[in-house]
């Protein structure tokens, strides 16, 4: 179930709705007066960026450790 943040562009009032409430909300209101942000997607993107950073740090750490291991064994 997706969660949405809806901002009224004229009054800047914010609404936090789920998928079902969103469809009912726009049955009563016009879509062009609102800015819609999918909070579930924003959270997923933020989490994926953090995981990418962790994977990159682990890769560089493994590279440094393997280089140290090679230097100790062969020199």
C-alpha atoms as a PDB file:
ATOM      1  CA  UNK A   1       0.000   0.000   0.000  1.00  0.00           C
ATOM      2  CA  UNK A   2       1.488   3.300  -1.088  1.00  0.00           C
ATOM      3  CA  UNK A   3       1.403   6.429   1.060  1.00  0.00           C
ATOM      4  CA  UNK A   4       1.135   9.871  -0.478  1.00  0.00           C
ATOM      5  CA  UNK A   5       1.763  13.442   0.569  1.00  0.00           C
ATOM      6  CA  UNK A   6      -0.573  15.835  -1.206  1.00  0.00           C
ATOM      7  CA  UNK A   7       0.021  19.577  -1.048  1.00  0.00           C
ATOM      8  CA  UNK A   8      -2.599  22.107  -2.059  1.00  0.00           C
ATOM      9  CA  UNK A   9      -0.810  24.562  -4.350  1.00  0.00           C
ATOM     10  CA  UNK A  10      -3.000  27.524  -3.433  1.00  0.00           C
ATOM     11  CA  UNK A  11      -3.203  27.176   0.359  1.00  0.00           C
ATOM     12  CA  UNK A  12      -0.084  24.993   0.994  1.00  0.00           C
ATOM     13  CA  UNK A  13      -2.142  22.650   3.171  1.00  0.00           C
ATOM     14  CA  UNK A  14      -0.716  19.113   3.325  1.00  0.00           C
ATOM     15  CA  UNK A  15      -2.613  15.820   3.387  1.00  0.00           C
ATOM     16  CA  UNK A  16      -1.120  12.384   4.121  1.00  0.00           C
ATOM     17  CA  UNK A  17      -3.199   9.668   2.465  1.00  0.00           C
ATOM     18  CA  UNK A  18      -2.929   6.036   1.435  1.00  0.00           C
ATOM     19  CA  UNK A  19      -3.902   4.641  -1.982  1.00  0.00           C
ATOM     20  CA  UNK A  20      -7.595   4.168  -1.244  1.00  0.00           C
ATOM     21  CA  UNK A  21      -7.991   7.573   0.392  1.00  0.00           C
ATOM     22  CA  UNK A  22      -6.191   9.161  -2.556  1.00  0.00           C
ATOM     23  CA  UNK A  23      -8.732   7.894  -5.084  1.00  0.00           C
ATOM     24  CA  UNK A  24     -11.627   9.057  -2.885  1.00  0.00           C
ATOM     25  CA  UNK A  25      -9.947  12.425  -2.346  1.00  0.00           C
ATOM     26  CA  UNK A  26      -9.644  13.137  -6.069  1.00  0.00           C
ATOM     27  CA  UNK A  27     -13.222  12.117  -6.761  1.00  0.00           C
ATOM     28  CA  UNK A  28     -14.162  15.245  -4.805  1.00  0.00           C
ATOM     29  CA  UNK A  29     -11.276  17.572  -5.788  1.00  0.00           C
ATOM     30  CA  UNK A  30      -9.572  18.640  -9.003  1.00  0.00           C
ATOM     31  CA  UNK A  31      -6.154  17.096  -9.641  1.00  0.00           C
ATOM     32  CA  UNK A  32      -4.520  20.231 -11.121  1.00  0.00           C
ATOM     33  CA  UNK A  33      -4.564  22.151  -7.800  1.00  0.00           C
ATOM     34  CA  UNK A  34      -2.387  19.632  -5.935  1.00  0.00           C
ATOM     35  CA  UNK A  35       1.187  18.402  -5.852  1.00  0.00           C
ATOM     36  CA  UNK A  36       1.379  14.622  -5.258  1.00  0.00           C
ATOM     37  CA  UNK A  37       4.474  12.938  -3.750  1.00  0.00           C
ATOM     38  CA  UNK A  38       4.663   9.155  -3.344  1.00  0.00           C
ATOM     39  CA  UNK A  39       6.224   8.762   0.126  1.00  0.00           C
ATOM     40  CA  UNK A  40       6.720   5.007  -0.288  1.00  0.00           C
ATOM     41  CA  UNK A  41       8.842   5.556  -3.396  1.00  0.00           C
ATOM     42  CA  UNK A  42      10.858   8.331  -1.731  1.00  0.00           C
ATOM     43  CA  UNK A  43      11.596   6.039   1.228  1.00  0.00           C
ATOM     44  CA  UNK A  44      12.645   3.214  -1.125  1.00  0.00           C
ATOM     45  CA  UNK A  45      14.980   5.495  -3.084  1.00  0.00           C
ATOM     46  CA  UNK A  46      16.588   6.800   0.131  1.00  0.00           C
ATOM     47  CA  UNK A  47      17.132   3.251   1.426  1.00  0.00           C
ATOM     48  CA  UNK A  48      18.654   2.139  -1.895  1.00  0.00           C
ATOM     49  CA  UNK A  49      21.103   5.068  -1.857  1.00  0.00           C
ATOM     50  CA  UNK A  50      22.253   4.083   1.633  1.00  0.00           C
ATOM     51  CA  UNK A  51      22.692   0.443   0.573  1.00  0.00           C
ATOM     52  CA  UNK A  52      24.684   1.530  -2.508  1.00  0.00           C
ATOM     53  CA  UNK A  53      27.008   3.548  -0.288  1.00  0.00           C
ATOM     54  CA  UNK A  54      27.494   0.619   2.100  1.00  0.00           C
ATOM     55  CA  UNK A  55      28.244  -1.732  -0.807  1.00  0.00           C
ATOM     56  CA  UNK A  56      30.794   0.707  -2.244  1.00  0.00           C
ATOM     57  CA  UNK A  57      32.546   1.104   1.124  1.00  0.00           C
ATOM     58  CA  UNK A  58      32.653  -2.691   1.563  1.00  0.00           C
ATOM     59  CA  UNK A  59      34.128  -3.098  -1.920  1.00  0.00           C
ATOM     60  CA  UNK A  60      36.919  -0.592  -1.249  1.00  0.00           C
ATOM     61  CA  UNK A  61      37.568  -2.118   2.173  1.00  0.00           C
ATOM     62  CA  UNK A  62      37.868  -5.597   0.651  1.00  0.00           C
ATOM     63  CA  UNK A  63      40.231  -4.227  -2.009  1.00  0.00           C
ATOM     64  CA  UNK A  64      42.503  -2.634   0.593  1.00  0.00           C
ATOM     65  CA  UNK A  65      42.499  -5.743   2.785  1.00  0.00           C
ATOM     66  CA  UNK A  66      43.272  -8.051  -0.147  1.00  0.00           C
ATOM     67  CA  UNK A  67      46.136  -5.753  -1.217  1.00  0.00           C
ATOM     68  CA  UNK A  68      47.595  -5.875   2.306  1.00  0.00           C
ATOM     69  CA  UNK A  69      47.235  -9.671   2.338  1.00  0.00           C
ATOM     70  CA  UNK A  70      49.060 -10.009  -0.999  1.00  0.00           C
ATOM     71  CA  UNK A  71      51.865  -7.701   0.161  1.00  0.00           C
ATOM     72  CA  UNK A  72      52.329  -9.693   3.396  1.00  0.00           C
ATOM     73  CA  UNK A  73      52.415 -13.076   1.664  1.00  0.00           C
ATOM     74  CA  UNK A  74      54.702 -12.324  -1.296  1.00  0.00           C
ATOM     75  CA  UNK A  75      57.145  -9.681  -0.065  1.00  0.00           C
END
